[in-house]
Amino acid sequence: MSSSDSLTADAVLDATGLNCPEPVMLLHNKVRDLAAGGLLKVIATDPSTRRDIPKFCMFLGHELIEQQEQAGTYLYWIRKKADA
């Protein structure tokens, strides 16, 4: 059992079939609507998200809790930073 099994997302962003830069653009909008400290699950099929999503989180101060790959699908759990 992986740690992601116990993660309950407050919102899910399904970016399946979308290619760079669309998944990160959608992620940016989705995170903005999320409450501070909220957990977002991202589902993507674009391999470039493995680079782009961690960079996005680091740049904006969000926490990438978990990252998985399952048969060409990339899963991310992102905790929105608490408002300063």
PDB file of N, CA and C in Angstrom:
ATOM      1  N   MET A   1       0.853  -1.202   0.000  1.00  0.00           N
ATOM      2  CA  MET A   1       0.000   0.000   0.000  1.00  0.00           C
ATOM      3  C   MET A   1       0.881   1.243   0.000  1.00  0.00           C
ATOM      4  N   SER A   2       0.652   2.109  -0.969  1.00  0.00           N
ATOM      5  CA  SER A   2       1.454   3.326  -1.034  1.00  0.00           C
ATOM      6  C   SER A   2       0.802   4.434  -0.216  1.00  0.00           C
ATOM      7  N   SER A   3       1.581   5.448   0.074  1.00  0.00           N
ATOM      8  CA  SER A   3       1.057   6.541   0.895  1.00  0.00           C
ATOM      9  C   SER A   3      -0.079   7.281   0.191  1.00  0.00           C
ATOM     10  N   SER A   4      -0.112   7.220  -1.151  1.00  0.00           N
ATOM     11  CA  SER A   4      -1.153   7.938  -1.883  1.00  0.00           C
ATOM     12  C   SER A   4      -2.541   7.354  -1.623  1.00  0.00           C
ATOM     13  N   ASP A   5      -2.608   6.094  -1.186  1.00  0.00           N
ATOM     14  CA  ASP A   5      -3.903   5.479  -0.903  1.00  0.00           C
ATOM     15  C   ASP A   5      -4.640   6.204   0.219  1.00  0.00           C
ATOM     16  N   SER A   6      -3.888   6.837   1.103  1.00  0.00           N
ATOM     17  CA  SER A   6      -4.512   7.525   2.224  1.00  0.00           C
ATOM     18  C   SER A   6      -4.693   9.028   1.952  1.00  0.00           C
ATOM     19  N   LEU A   7      -4.296   9.474   0.760  1.00  0.00           N
ATOM     20  CA  LEU A   7      -4.441  10.896   0.424  1.00  0.00           C
ATOM     21  C   LEU A   7      -5.806  11.122  -0.214  1.00  0.00           C
ATOM     22  N   THR A   8      -6.599  11.969   0.413  1.00  0.00           N
ATOM     23  CA  THR A   8      -7.910  12.302  -0.128  1.00  0.00           C
ATOM     24  C   THR A   8      -7.834  13.706  -0.718  1.00  0.00           C
ATOM     25  N   ALA A   9      -7.959  13.774  -2.023  1.00  0.00           N
ATOM     26  CA  ALA A   9      -7.836  15.060  -2.703  1.00  0.00           C
ATOM     27  C   ALA A   9      -9.097  15.899  -2.521  1.00  0.00           C
ATOM     28  N   ASP A  10      -8.906  17.203  -2.355  1.00  0.00           N
ATOM     29  CA  ASP A  10     -10.030  18.141  -2.293  1.00  0.00           C
ATOM     30  C   ASP A  10     -10.558  18.431  -3.694  1.00  0.00           C
ATOM     31  N   ALA A  11      -9.694  18.272  -4.689  1.00  0.00           N
ATOM     32  CA  ALA A  11     -10.069  18.511  -6.082  1.00  0.00           C
ATOM     33  C   ALA A  11      -9.195  17.642  -6.969  1.00  0.00           C
ATOM     34  N   VAL A  12      -9.692  17.354  -8.168  1.00  0.00           N
ATOM     35  CA  VAL A  12      -8.938  16.553  -9.135  1.00  0.00           C
ATOM     36  C   VAL A  12      -8.868  17.319 -10.442  1.00  0.00           C
ATOM     37  N   LEU A  13      -7.678  17.351 -11.010  1.00  0.00           N
ATOM     38  CA  LEU A  13      -7.486  17.946 -12.331  1.00  0.00           C
ATOM     39  C   LEU A  13      -7.123  16.814 -13.282  1.00  0.00           C
ATOM     40  N   ASP A  14      -7.995  16.554 -14.245  1.00  0.00           N
ATOM     41  CA  ASP A  14      -7.733  15.510 -15.234  1.00  0.00           C
ATOM     42  C   ASP A  14      -7.197  16.174 -16.499  1.00  0.00           C
ATOM     43  N   ALA A  15      -5.883  16.063 -16.698  1.00  0.00           N
ATOM     44  CA  ALA A  15      -5.241  16.655 -17.874  1.00  0.00           C
ATOM     45  C   ALA A  15      -4.863  15.565 -18.870  1.00  0.00           C
ATOM     46  N   THR A  16      -5.574  14.437 -18.822  1.00  0.00           N
ATOM     47  CA  THR A  16      -5.317  13.317 -19.720  1.00  0.00           C
ATOM     48  C   THR A  16      -5.448  13.753 -21.173  1.00  0.00           C
ATOM     49  N   GLY A  17      -4.467  13.397 -21.984  1.00  0.00           N
ATOM     50  CA  GLY A  17      -4.525  13.708 -23.412  1.00  0.00           C
ATOM     51  C   GLY A  17      -4.030  15.093 -23.773  1.00  0.00           C
ATOM     52  N   LEU A  18      -3.746  15.920 -22.775  1.00  0.00           N
ATOM     53  CA  LEU A  18      -3.262  17.269 -23.046  1.00  0.00           C
ATOM     54  C   LEU A  18      -1.742  17.298 -23.042  1.00  0.00           C
ATOM     55  N   ASN A  19      -1.174  18.145 -23.886  1.00  0.00           N
ATOM     56  CA  ASN A  19       0.276  18.256 -23.974  1.00  0.00           C
ATOM     57  C   ASN A  19       0.746  19.624 -23.507  1.00  0.00           C
ATOM     58  N   CYS A  20       2.020  19.678 -23.136  1.00  0.00           N
ATOM     59  CA  CYS A  20       2.653  20.898 -22.661  1.00  0.00           C
ATOM     60  C   CYS A  20       2.328  22.047 -23.621  1.00  0.00           C
ATOM     61  N   PRO A  21       1.943  23.222 -23.151  1.00  0.00           N
ATOM     62  CA  PRO A  21       1.918  23.657 -21.749  1.00  0.00           C
ATOM     63  C   PRO A  21       0.546  23.550 -21.087  1.00  0.00           C
ATOM     64  N   GLU A  22      -0.412  22.897 -21.747  1.00  0.00           N
ATOM     65  CA  GLU A  22      -1.792  22.900 -21.239  1.00  0.00           C
ATOM     66  C   GLU A  22      -1.952  22.346 -19.821  1.00  0.00           C
ATOM     67  N   PRO A  23      -1.332  21.193 -19.475  1.00  0.00           N
ATOM     68  CA  PRO A  23      -1.540  20.690 -18.105  1.00  0.00           C
ATOM     69  C   PRO A  23      -1.125  21.696 -17.028  1.00  0.00           C
ATOM     70  N   VAL A  24      -0.003  22.382 -17.223  1.00  0.00           N
ATOM     71  CA  VAL A  24       0.462  23.338 -16.211  1.00  0.00           C
ATOM     72  C   VAL A  24      -0.415  24.590 -16.203  1.00  0.00           C
ATOM     73  N   MET A  25      -0.905  24.995 -17.361  1.00  0.00           N
ATOM     74  CA  MET A  25      -1.808  26.157 -17.400  1.00  0.00           C
ATOM     75  C   MET A  25      -3.097  25.842 -16.641  1.00  0.00           C
ATOM     76  N   LEU A  26      -3.638  24.649 -16.859  1.00  0.00           N
ATOM     77  CA  LEU A  26      -4.851  24.244 -16.135  1.00  0.00           C
ATOM     78  C   LEU A  26      -4.562  24.108 -14.645  1.00  0.00           C
ATOM     79  N   LEU A  27      -3.390  23.563 -14.324  1.00  0.00           N
ATOM     80  CA  LEU A  27      -2.983  23.410 -12.926  1.00  0.00           C
ATOM     81  C   LEU A  27      -2.934  24.766 -12.232  1.00  0.00           C
ATOM     82  N   HIS A  28      -2.387  25.745 -12.925  1.00  0.00           N
ATOM     83  CA  HIS A  28      -2.276  27.091 -12.364  1.00  0.00           C
ATOM     84  C   HIS A  28      -3.654  27.635 -11.982  1.00  0.00           C
ATOM     85  N   ASN A  29      -4.624  27.466 -12.881  1.00  0.00           N
ATOM     86  CA  ASN A  29      -5.987  27.947 -12.621  1.00  0.00           C
ATOM     87  C   ASN A  29      -6.660  27.156 -11.508  1.00  0.00           C
ATOM     88  N   LYS A  30      -6.453  25.847 -11.493  1.00  0.00           N
ATOM     89  CA  LYS A  30      -7.106  24.982 -10.505  1.00  0.00           C
ATOM     90  C   LYS A  30      -6.573  25.276  -9.100  1.00  0.00           C
ATOM     91  N   VAL A  31      -5.260  25.447  -8.988  1.00  0.00           N
ATOM     92  CA  VAL A  31      -4.651  25.735  -7.687  1.00  0.00           C
ATOM     93  C   VAL A  31      -5.171  27.061  -7.149  1.00  0.00           C
ATOM     94  N   ARG A  32      -5.362  28.026  -8.027  1.00  0.00           N
ATOM     95  CA  ARG A  32      -5.843  29.341  -7.614  1.00  0.00           C
ATOM     96  C   ARG A  32      -7.213  29.245  -6.943  1.00  0.00           C
ATOM     97  N   ASP A  33      -8.047  28.309  -7.419  1.00  0.00           N
ATOM     98  CA  ASP A  33      -9.408  28.144  -6.872  1.00  0.00           C
ATOM     99  C   ASP A  33      -9.441  27.308  -5.598  1.00  0.00           C
ATOM    100  N   LEU A  34      -8.324  26.647  -5.282  1.00  0.00           N
ATOM    101  CA  LEU A  34      -8.264  25.750  -4.134  1.00  0.00           C
ATOM    102  C   LEU A  34      -8.017  26.547  -2.850  1.00  0.00           C
ATOM    103  N   ALA A  35      -8.610  26.084  -1.758  1.00  0.00           N
ATOM    104  CA  ALA A  35      -8.361  26.732  -0.463  1.00  0.00           C
ATOM    105  C   ALA A  35      -6.910  26.489  -0.048  1.00  0.00           C
ATOM    106  N   ALA A  36      -6.360  27.413   0.732  1.00  0.00           N
ATOM    107  CA  ALA A  36      -4.999  27.258   1.245  1.00  0.00           C
ATOM    108  C   ALA A  36      -4.891  25.943   2.007  1.00  0.00           C
ATOM    109  N   GLY A  37      -3.841  25.172   1.724  1.00  0.00           N
ATOM    110  CA  GLY A  37      -3.662  23.888   2.376  1.00  0.00           C
ATOM    111  C   GLY A  37      -4.445  22.760   1.728  1.00  0.00           C
ATOM    112  N   GLY A  38      -5.213  23.078   0.688  1.00  0.00           N
ATOM    113  CA  GLY A  38      -6.009  22.065  -0.002  1.00  0.00           C
ATOM    114  C   GLY A  38      -5.125  21.113  -0.791  1.00  0.00           C
ATOM    115  N   LEU A  39      -5.640  19.919  -1.036  1.00  0.00           N
ATOM    116  CA  LEU A  39      -4.881  18.894  -1.754  1.00  0.00           C
ATOM    117  C   LEU A  39      -5.494  18.663  -3.130  1.00  0.00           C
ATOM    118  N   LEU A  40      -4.670  18.774  -4.144  1.00  0.00           N
ATOM    119  CA  LEU A  40      -5.107  18.604  -5.527  1.00  0.00           C
ATOM    120  C   LEU A  40      -4.440  17.376  -6.118  1.00  0.00           C
ATOM    121  N   LYS A  41      -5.233  16.528  -6.739  1.00  0.00           N
ATOM    122  CA  LYS A  41      -4.688  15.377  -7.465  1.00  0.00           C
ATOM    123  C   LYS A  41      -4.696  15.721  -8.945  1.00  0.00           C
ATOM    124  N   VAL A  42      -3.565  15.517  -9.596  1.00  0.00           N
ATOM    125  CA  VAL A  42      -3.445  15.789 -11.030  1.00  0.00           C
ATOM    126  C   VAL A  42      -3.215  14.462 -11.750  1.00  0.00           C
ATOM    127  N   ILE A  43      -3.974  14.255 -12.814  1.00  0.00           N
ATOM    128  CA  ILE A  43      -3.819  13.076 -13.668  1.00  0.00           C
ATOM    129  C   ILE A  43      -3.381  13.582 -15.040  1.00  0.00           C
ATOM    130  N   ALA A  44      -2.241  13.099 -15.524  1.00  0.00           N
ATOM    131  CA  ALA A  44      -1.720  13.581 -16.803  1.00  0.00           C
ATOM    132  C   ALA A  44      -1.129  12.420 -17.592  1.00  0.00           C
ATOM    133  N   THR A  45      -1.039  12.611 -18.910  1.00  0.00           N
ATOM    134  CA  THR A  45      -0.423  11.598 -19.766  1.00  0.00           C
ATOM    135  C   THR A  45       0.803  12.152 -20.487  1.00  0.00           C
ATOM    136  N   ASP A  46       1.083  13.424 -20.340  1.00  0.00           N
ATOM    137  CA  ASP A  46       2.236  14.047 -20.999  1.00  0.00           C
ATOM    138  C   ASP A  46       3.484  13.825 -20.143  1.00  0.00           C
ATOM    139  N   PRO A  47       4.506  13.114 -20.678  1.00  0.00           N
ATOM    140  CA  PRO A  47       5.724  12.855 -19.902  1.00  0.00           C
ATOM    141  C   PRO A  47       6.431  14.124 -19.429  1.00  0.00           C
ATOM    142  N   SER A  48       6.253  15.234 -20.128  1.00  0.00           N
ATOM    143  CA  SER A  48       6.927  16.472 -19.716  1.00  0.00           C
ATOM    144  C   SER A  48       6.408  17.001 -18.379  1.00  0.00           C
ATOM    145  N   THR A  49       5.242  16.506 -17.923  1.00  0.00           N
ATOM    146  CA  THR A  49       4.743  16.937 -16.612  1.00  0.00           C
ATOM    147  C   THR A  49       5.672  16.475 -15.491  1.00  0.00           C
ATOM    148  N   ARG A  50       6.453  15.419 -15.736  1.00  0.00           N
ATOM    149  CA  ARG A  50       7.404  14.952 -14.716  1.00  0.00           C
ATOM    150  C   ARG A  50       8.445  16.019 -14.398  1.00  0.00           C
ATOM    151  N   ARG A  51       8.711  16.864 -15.381  1.00  0.00           N
ATOM    152  CA  ARG A  51       9.634  17.978 -15.184  1.00  0.00           C
ATOM    153  C   ARG A  51       8.869  19.248 -14.789  1.00  0.00           C
ATOM    154  N   ASP A  52       7.768  19.498 -15.488  1.00  0.00           N
ATOM    155  CA  ASP A  52       7.062  20.778 -15.346  1.00  0.00           C
ATOM    156  C   ASP A  52       6.329  20.935 -14.020  1.00  0.00           C
ATOM    157  N   ILE A  53       5.683  19.881 -13.542  1.00  0.00           N
ATOM    158  CA  ILE A  53       4.883  20.005 -12.317  1.00  0.00           C
ATOM    159  C   ILE A  53       5.764  20.206 -11.081  1.00  0.00           C
ATOM    160  N   PRO A  54       6.850  19.429 -10.910  1.00  0.00           N
ATOM    161  CA  PRO A  54       7.730  19.734  -9.765  1.00  0.00           C
ATOM    162  C   PRO A  54       8.306  21.155  -9.819  1.00  0.00           C
ATOM    163  N   LYS A  55       8.657  21.628 -11.019  1.00  0.00           N
ATOM    164  CA  LYS A  55       9.172  23.003 -11.161  1.00  0.00           C
ATOM    165  C   LYS A  55       8.101  24.014 -10.788  1.00  0.00           C
ATOM    166  N   PHE A  56       6.881  23.772 -11.234  1.00  0.00           N
ATOM    167  CA  PHE A  56       5.754  24.649 -10.914  1.00  0.00           C
ATOM    168  C   PHE A  56       5.588  24.763  -9.401  1.00  0.00           C
ATOM    169  N   CYS A  57       5.616  23.606  -8.725  1.00  0.00           N
ATOM    170  CA  CYS A  57       5.430  23.591  -7.266  1.00  0.00           C
ATOM    171  C   CYS A  57       6.560  24.340  -6.563  1.00  0.00           C
ATOM    172  N   MET A  58       7.789  24.078  -6.985  1.00  0.00           N
ATOM    173  CA  MET A  58       8.938  24.716  -6.351  1.00  0.00           C
ATOM    174  C   MET A  58       8.886  26.230  -6.557  1.00  0.00           C
ATOM    175  N   PHE A  59       8.570  26.644  -7.778  1.00  0.00           N
ATOM    176  CA  PHE A  59       8.550  28.063  -8.121  1.00  0.00           C
ATOM    177  C   PHE A  59       7.488  28.822  -7.331  1.00  0.00           C
ATOM    178  N   LEU A  60       6.319  28.190  -7.135  1.00  0.00           N
ATOM    179  CA  LEU A  60       5.210  28.880  -6.473  1.00  0.00           C
ATOM    180  C   LEU A  60       5.064  28.524  -4.993  1.00  0.00           C
ATOM    181  N   GLY A  61       5.886  27.594  -4.515  1.00  0.00           N
ATOM    182  CA  GLY A  61       5.876  27.289  -3.084  1.00  0.00           C
ATOM    183  C   GLY A  61       4.854  26.266  -2.638  1.00  0.00           C
ATOM    184  N   HIS A  62       4.277  25.538  -3.599  1.00  0.00           N
ATOM    185  CA  HIS A  62       3.345  24.466  -3.244  1.00  0.00           C
ATOM    186  C   HIS A  62       4.144  23.198  -2.960  1.00  0.00           C
ATOM    187  N   GLU A  63       3.544  22.260  -2.253  1.00  0.00           N
ATOM    188  CA  GLU A  63       4.250  21.044  -1.868  1.00  0.00           C
ATOM    189  C   GLU A  63       3.801  19.868  -2.728  1.00  0.00           C
ATOM    190  N   LEU A  64       4.762  19.256  -3.414  1.00  0.00           N
ATOM    191  CA  LEU A  64       4.474  18.052  -4.187  1.00  0.00           C
ATOM    192  C   LEU A  64       4.597  16.872  -3.228  1.00  0.00           C
ATOM    193  N   ILE A  65       3.446  16.373  -2.778  1.00  0.00           N
ATOM    194  CA  ILE A  65       3.413  15.337  -1.743  1.00  0.00           C
ATOM    195  C   ILE A  65       3.815  13.979  -2.301  1.00  0.00           C
ATOM    196  N   GLU A  66       3.296  13.666  -3.484  1.00  0.00           N
ATOM    197  CA  GLU A  66       3.474  12.324  -4.043  1.00  0.00           C
ATOM    198  C   GLU A  66       3.435  12.416  -5.559  1.00  0.00           C
ATOM    199  N   GLN A  67       4.192  11.544  -6.202  1.00  0.00           N
ATOM    200  CA  GLN A  67       4.264  11.514  -7.661  1.00  0.00           C
ATOM    201  C   GLN A  67       4.389  10.057  -8.062  1.00  0.00           C
ATOM    202  N   GLN A  68       3.539   9.622  -8.992  1.00  0.00           N
ATOM    203  CA  GLN A  68       3.553   8.215  -9.412  1.00  0.00           C
ATOM    204  C   GLN A  68       3.392   8.114 -10.915  1.00  0.00           C
ATOM    205  N   GLU A  69       3.847   7.005 -11.458  1.00  0.00           N
ATOM    206  CA  GLU A  69       3.603   6.701 -12.866  1.00  0.00           C
ATOM    207  C   GLU A  69       2.971   5.324 -12.939  1.00  0.00           C
ATOM    208  N   GLN A  70       1.862   5.234 -13.654  1.00  0.00           N
ATOM    209  CA  GLN A  70       1.169   3.953 -13.813  1.00  0.00           C
ATOM    210  C   GLN A  70       0.801   3.784 -15.279  1.00  0.00           C
ATOM    211  N   ALA A  71       1.532   2.925 -15.971  1.00  0.00           N
ATOM    212  CA  ALA A  71       1.208   2.587 -17.372  1.00  0.00           C
ATOM    213  C   ALA A  71       1.009   3.811 -18.250  1.00  0.00           C
ATOM    214  N   GLY A  72       1.952   4.734 -18.194  1.00  0.00           N
ATOM    215  CA  GLY A  72       1.888   5.909 -19.062  1.00  0.00           C
ATOM    216  C   GLY A  72       1.013   7.030 -18.546  1.00  0.00           C
ATOM    217  N   THR A  73       0.458   6.856 -17.355  1.00  0.00           N
ATOM    218  CA  THR A  73      -0.314   7.926 -16.716  1.00  0.00           C
ATOM    219  C   THR A  73       0.485   8.426 -15.519  1.00  0.00           C
ATOM    220  N   TYR A  74       0.561   9.735 -15.394  1.00  0.00           N
ATOM    221  CA  TYR A  74       1.338  10.359 -14.323  1.00  0.00           C
ATOM    222  C   TYR A  74       0.377  10.968 -13.308  1.00  0.00           C
ATOM    223  N   LEU A  75       0.599  10.630 -12.050  1.00  0.00           N
ATOM    224  CA  LEU A  75      -0.266  11.110 -10.972  1.00  0.00           C
ATOM    225  C   LEU A  75       0.545  11.971 -10.021  1.00  0.00           C
ATOM    226  N   TYR A  76      -0.049  13.077  -9.604  1.00  0.00           N
ATOM    227  CA  TYR A  76       0.608  14.017  -8.693  1.00  0.00           C
ATOM    228  C   TYR A  76      -0.377  14.438  -7.620  1.00  0.00           C
ATOM    229  N   TRP A  77       0.108  14.554  -6.401  1.00  0.00           N
ATOM    230  CA  TRP A  77      -0.691  15.121  -5.321  1.00  0.00           C
ATOM    231  C   TRP A  77       0.026  16.374  -4.850  1.00  0.00           C
ATOM    232  N   ILE A  78      -0.662  17.499  -4.943  1.00  0.00           N
ATOM    233  CA  ILE A  78      -0.056  18.796  -4.654  1.00  0.00           C
ATOM    234  C   ILE A  78      -0.827  19.482  -3.532  1.00  0.00           C
ATOM    235  N   ARG A  79      -0.097  19.877  -2.492  1.00  0.00           N
ATOM    236  CA  ARG A  79      -0.711  20.613  -1.391  1.00  0.00           C
ATOM    237  C   ARG A  79      -0.469  22.094  -1.620  1.00  0.00           C
ATOM    238  N   LYS A  80      -1.574  22.849  -1.701  1.00  0.00           N
ATOM    239  CA  LYS A  80      -1.447  24.289  -1.909  1.00  0.00           C
ATOM    240  C   LYS A  80      -0.838  24.930  -0.675  1.00  0.00           C
ATOM    241  N   LYS A  81       0.085  25.858  -0.901  1.00  0.00           N
ATOM    242  CA  LYS A  81       0.729  26.504   0.234  1.00  0.00           C
ATOM    243  C   LYS A  81      -0.292  27.309   1.034  1.00  0.00           C
ATOM    244  N   ALA A  82      -0.053  27.376   2.331  1.00  0.00           N
ATOM    245  CA  ALA A  82      -0.911  28.183   3.189  1.00  0.00           C
ATOM    246  C   ALA A  82      -0.651  29.655   2.881  1.00  0.00           C
ATOM    247  N   ASP A  83      -1.676  30.451   2.907  1.00  0.00           N
ATOM    248  CA  ASP A  83      -1.495  31.881   2.637  1.00  0.00           C
ATOM    249  C   ASP A  83      -0.615  32.500   3.706  1.00  0.00           C
ATOM    250  N   ALA A  84       0.308  33.318   3.263  1.00  0.00           N
ATOM    251  CA  ALA A  84       1.243  33.963   4.207  1.00  0.00           C
ATOM    252  C   ALA A  84       0.579  35.137   4.887  1.00  0.00           C
TER     253      ALA A  84
END
